[in-house]
């Protein structure tokens, strides 16, 4: 695998990890949390990864505190 593909794959995996482990911090404004969530989705879209609506909703709900 060439270096560009390896870097692209590694970047994609890091972006996915950030999204899948994303949690709202104590005292964080909901508006800021949503903004960061949308940024993660847009960054993934730029590297060709689409997260479908139902999955987006589930990930967002799971990122909220109990």
Protein backbone atom coordinates (compact mmCIF):
# COMPACT_ATOMS: atom_id res chain seq x y z
CA UNK A 1 0.00 0.00 0.00
CA UNK A 2 1.44 3.38 -0.89
CA UNK A 3 2.10 6.09 1.70
CA UNK A 4 -0.80 8.35 0.62
CA UNK A 5 -3.31 5.52 0.99
CA UNK A 6 -1.89 4.57 4.39
CA UNK A 7 -2.15 8.17 5.60
CA UNK A 8 -5.67 8.46 4.23
CA UNK A 9 -6.75 5.22 5.91
CA UNK A 10 -5.13 6.23 9.19
CA UNK A 11 -6.83 9.65 9.03
CA UNK A 12 -10.18 8.01 8.34
CA UNK A 13 -9.76 5.65 11.29
CA UNK A 14 -8.82 8.50 13.63
CA UNK A 15 -11.84 10.53 12.51
CA UNK A 16 -14.14 7.54 13.09
CA UNK A 17 -12.61 6.93 16.50
CA UNK A 18 -13.25 10.56 17.47
CA UNK A 19 -16.89 10.30 16.43
CA UNK A 20 -17.51 6.91 18.05
CA UNK A 21 -15.95 7.90 21.38
CA UNK A 22 -17.42 11.41 21.46
CA UNK A 23 -19.16 12.35 24.73
CA UNK A 24 -20.58 15.56 26.08
CA UNK A 25 -18.39 17.09 28.77
CA UNK A 26 -19.80 18.31 32.06
CA UNK A 27 -20.80 21.96 31.78
CA UNK A 28 -20.54 21.95 27.97
CA UNK A 29 -23.28 23.83 26.13
CA UNK A 30 -25.52 21.61 24.04
CA UNK A 31 -25.07 23.97 21.09
CA UNK A 32 -21.28 23.51 21.27
CA UNK A 33 -21.66 19.74 21.53
CA UNK A 34 -23.86 19.64 18.43
CA UNK A 35 -21.42 21.88 16.57
CA UNK A 36 -18.51 19.55 17.34
CA UNK A 37 -20.61 16.53 16.32
CA UNK A 38 -21.43 18.15 12.97
CA UNK A 39 -17.74 18.97 12.48
CA UNK A 40 -16.86 15.29 12.95
CA UNK A 41 -19.51 14.30 10.39
CA UNK A 42 -18.28 16.89 7.89
CA UNK A 43 -14.65 15.82 8.32
CA UNK A 44 -15.64 12.22 7.63
CA UNK A 45 -17.67 13.28 4.59
CA UNK A 46 -14.55 15.03 3.20
CA UNK A 47 -12.66 11.71 3.22
CA UNK A 48 -15.57 9.85 1.62
CA UNK A 49 -17.25 8.34 4.70
CA UNK A 50 -21.00 8.78 4.93
CA UNK A 51 -22.79 8.19 8.24
CA UNK A 52 -26.50 7.68 7.54
CA UNK A 53 -29.20 9.59 9.38
CA UNK A 54 -30.29 6.82 11.76
CA UNK A 55 -26.67 6.13 12.71
CA UNK A 56 -26.05 9.85 13.22
CA UNK A 57 -29.04 10.05 15.55
CA UNK A 58 -27.91 7.00 17.53
CA UNK A 59 -24.34 8.31 17.86
CA UNK A 60 -25.56 11.73 18.99
CA UNK A 61 -27.95 10.25 21.57
CA UNK A 62 -25.22 7.95 22.89
CA UNK A 63 -22.87 10.93 23.25
CA UNK A 64 -25.21 12.64 25.72
CA UNK A 65 -24.91 12.19 29.48
CA UNK A 66 -27.33 9.77 31.18
